[in-house]
Amino acid sequence: MTSLIVNMAGPDRPGLVEALSSAISSASGNWEGSRMAKLSGQFAGVVHVVVPDDQADLLRANLQAMASDGLLISISDDSGQAASEVTGESVMLDVVGLDRTGIVSEISHVLTELGVNVEELLTECLSAPMSGERLFEASAIIVLPDGITEEQVQNRVEEIDQDLQVTISDLED
């Protein structure tokens, strides 16, 4: 079996997921997992696909044919082995504060300094209910390396800006 990671992005429209899933199933591929979202009129996603070895070239051709519909498609071989396995406690990090340029960069820099691995990140900017100011919200699943506590991460992220509200919770909460 061949394991592939498919990245796609393009203008959002009805039928994109169906077209992608049809391209995969017509090559006897199995859709193992995915993350997809619409952002600012664009639809983007990443899909893990497993396909019989003798069908891998057909799948690649099917997916590349979708580029004629205005989609950007990239396909990477996935050996199933992570480059470096990160171990530690997985927790949920939630951050809310006034939006400003560079906030994601600053948060990710602090996490990198602490050796924290980001496994999933969702961000959004929206209007505050009462004031209408732009708020930044982020939710991330992070892995704390040995020796780093939730409190250390929370304190370091809060040091970025006094207006940030930071909570860290177990994934089971």
Protein backbone atom coordinates (compact mmCIF):
# COMPACT_ATOMS: atom_id res chain seq x y z
CA MET A 1 0.00 0.00 0.00
CA THR A 2 1.10 3.55 -0.75
CA SER A 3 0.40 6.28 1.79
CA LEU A 4 0.02 9.83 0.44
CA ILE A 5 -0.66 13.27 1.86
CA VAL A 6 -2.77 15.41 -0.50
CA ASN A 7 -2.91 19.18 -0.03
CA MET A 8 -5.54 21.12 -1.95
CA ALA A 9 -6.71 24.71 -2.09
CA GLY A 10 -8.93 26.73 -4.37
CA PRO A 11 -12.03 28.88 -4.64
CA ASP A 12 -14.84 27.45 -2.55
CA ARG A 13 -17.79 25.95 -4.38
CA PRO A 14 -20.25 23.10 -3.86
CA GLY A 15 -18.89 19.69 -4.86
CA LEU A 16 -15.19 20.12 -4.07
CA VAL A 17 -15.13 17.42 -1.40
CA GLU A 18 -17.16 15.10 -3.62
CA ALA A 19 -14.77 15.63 -6.54
CA LEU A 20 -11.79 14.91 -4.32
CA SER A 21 -13.38 11.83 -2.78
CA SER A 22 -14.37 10.53 -6.23
CA ALA A 23 -10.81 10.94 -7.52
CA ILE A 24 -9.59 8.95 -4.53
CA SER A 25 -12.19 6.18 -4.65
CA SER A 26 -11.88 5.69 -8.43
CA ALA A 27 -8.26 4.66 -7.79
CA SER A 28 -9.34 2.29 -4.97
CA GLY A 29 -7.91 4.71 -2.43
CA ASN A 30 -9.05 4.97 1.15
CA TRP A 31 -9.59 8.40 2.74
CA GLU A 32 -7.83 7.86 6.10
CA GLY A 33 -8.21 11.31 7.65
CA SER A 34 -8.44 14.98 6.79
CA ARG A 35 -8.59 18.58 7.92
CA MET A 36 -10.49 21.02 5.70
CA ALA A 37 -11.89 24.51 6.04
CA LYS A 38 -13.24 27.49 4.15
CA LEU A 39 -11.23 30.64 4.78
CA SER A 40 -11.95 33.95 3.08
CA GLY A 41 -13.69 32.40 0.09
CA GLN A 42 -11.07 29.71 -0.39
CA PHE A 43 -11.41 26.05 0.54
CA ALA A 44 -8.26 24.30 1.67
CA GLY A 45 -7.47 20.94 3.11
CA VAL A 46 -5.06 18.13 3.70
CA VAL A 47 -6.06 14.48 3.28
CA HIS A 48 -4.22 11.29 4.21
CA VAL A 49 -4.91 8.65 1.54
CA VAL A 50 -3.87 5.00 1.37
CA VAL A 51 -4.01 3.40 -2.08
CA PRO A 52 -2.87 0.03 -3.48
CA ASP A 53 0.66 0.36 -4.88
CA ASP A 54 -0.50 -0.44 -8.42
CA GLN A 55 -3.11 2.36 -8.26
CA ALA A 56 -0.87 5.14 -6.88
CA ASP A 57 -0.04 6.58 -10.32
CA LEU A 58 -3.72 6.58 -11.29
CA LEU A 59 -4.57 8.43 -8.08
CA ARG A 60 -1.84 11.01 -8.74
CA ALA A 61 -3.18 11.53 -12.27
CA ASN A 62 -6.78 11.84 -11.02
CA LEU A 63 -5.76 14.44 -8.46
CA GLN A 64 -3.60 16.43 -10.87
CA ALA A 65 -6.54 16.54 -13.30
CA MET A 66 -8.43 18.50 -10.64
CA ALA A 67 -5.94 21.35 -11.15
CA SER A 68 -7.76 22.17 -14.39
CA ASP A 69 -10.73 23.15 -12.19
CA GLY A 70 -8.66 25.91 -10.57
CA LEU A 71 -7.39 23.90 -7.62
CA LEU A 72 -3.85 23.84 -6.36
CA ILE A 73 -2.94 20.21 -5.63
CA SER A 74 0.25 18.86 -4.11
CA ILE A 75 0.91 15.22 -3.30
CA SER A 76 3.57 13.95 -0.91
CA ASP A 77 4.59 10.40 -0.11
CA ASP A 78 4.01 9.55 3.52
CA SER A 79 6.19 6.81 4.93
CA GLY A 80 3.96 6.72 8.01
CA GLN A 81 6.95 7.64 10.16
CA ALA A 82 7.08 11.01 11.86
CA ALA A 83 10.37 12.86 11.31
CA SER A 84 10.83 13.10 15.06
CA GLU A 85 8.31 11.63 17.44
CA VAL A 86 7.28 14.18 20.05
CA THR A 87 6.22 12.74 23.37
CA GLY A 88 4.69 14.40 26.38
CA GLU A 89 1.35 15.48 27.75
CA SER A 90 -1.20 16.71 25.19
CA VAL A 91 -3.31 19.67 26.35
CA MET A 92 -5.63 22.30 24.88
CA LEU A 93 -4.33 25.88 24.75
CA ASP A 94 -6.93 28.63 24.30
CA VAL A 95 -5.93 32.27 23.77
CA VAL A 96 -8.22 35.31 23.41
CA GLY A 97 -7.12 38.93 23.09
CA LEU A 98 -7.20 42.05 20.98
CA ASP A 99 -6.05 41.30 17.44
CA ARG A 100 -2.83 42.80 16.19
CA THR A 101 -0.14 42.08 13.63
CA GLY A 102 2.35 39.44 14.73
CA ILE A 103 0.34 37.79 17.49
CA VAL A 104 0.55 34.27 15.99
CA SER A 105 4.27 34.73 15.41
CA GLU A 106 4.83 35.79 19.01
CA ILE A 107 2.80 32.92 20.48
CA SER A 108 4.47 30.33 18.25
CA HIS A 109 7.90 31.74 19.13
CA VAL A 110 7.22 31.30 22.86
CA LEU A 111 5.99 27.75 22.30
CA THR A 112 9.09 26.91 20.26
CA GLU A 113 11.39 28.34 22.95
CA LEU A 114 9.72 26.02 25.49
CA GLY A 115 10.02 23.01 23.18
CA VAL A 116 6.24 22.71 22.88
CA ASN A 117 4.93 20.98 19.75
CA VAL A 118 1.76 22.32 18.09
CA GLU A 119 -0.32 19.41 16.76
CA GLU A 120 -3.39 21.37 15.74
CA LEU A 121 -4.11 25.10 15.52
CA LEU A 122 -7.35 26.94 14.82
CA THR A 123 -7.39 30.74 14.74
CA GLU A 124 -10.03 33.34 14.02
CA CYS A 125 -10.53 37.08 14.15
CA LEU A 126 -13.96 38.46 14.99
CA SER A 127 -15.70 41.52 16.37
CA ALA A 128 -16.06 41.84 20.13
CA PRO A 129 -19.77 41.74 21.09
CA MET A 130 -19.96 45.04 22.96
CA SER A 131 -17.11 47.20 21.64
CA GLY A 132 -16.80 45.92 18.07
CA GLU A 133 -13.00 45.76 18.44
CA ARG A 134 -11.27 42.95 16.56
CA LEU A 135 -10.58 39.97 18.77
CA PHE A 136 -8.08 37.22 18.10
CA GLU A 137 -9.01 33.70 19.22
CA ALA A 138 -6.83 30.63 19.02
CA SER A 139 -7.30 27.03 20.11
CA ALA A 140 -4.42 24.62 19.84
CA ILE A 141 -3.65 21.07 20.81
CA ILE A 142 -0.08 21.19 22.09
CA VAL A 143 2.32 18.61 23.47
CA LEU A 144 4.29 19.64 26.54
CA PRO A 145 7.81 18.20 26.64
CA ASP A 146 9.07 16.60 29.83
CA GLY A 147 9.96 19.24 32.39
CA ILE A 148 7.58 21.91 31.03
CA THR A 149 4.37 22.53 32.98
CA GLU A 150 1.04 23.98 31.92
CA GLU A 151 1.70 26.92 34.25
CA GLN A 152 5.02 27.70 32.56
CA VAL A 153 3.36 27.78 29.15
CA GLN A 154 0.46 29.89 30.40
CA ASN A 155 2.77 32.39 32.12
CA ARG A 156 5.05 32.78 29.10
CA VAL A 157 2.14 33.27 26.66
CA GLU A 158 0.51 35.79 29.02
CA GLU A 159 3.79 37.76 29.10
CA ILE A 160 3.31 38.55 25.39
CA ASP A 161 0.47 40.99 26.11
CA GLN A 162 -1.35 41.93 29.30
CA ASP A 163 -4.70 41.73 27.47
CA LEU A 164 -4.33 38.05 26.51
CA GLN A 165 -6.55 35.56 28.28
CA VAL A 166 -4.85 32.16 28.29
CA THR A 167 -6.29 28.87 29.49
CA ILE A 168 -4.80 25.42 29.32
CA SER A 169 -6.93 22.36 29.95
CA ASP A 170 -6.73 18.60 29.66
CA LEU A 171 -8.15 17.25 26.43
CA GLU A 172 -10.71 15.24 28.39
CA ASP A 173 -12.24 18.40 29.93
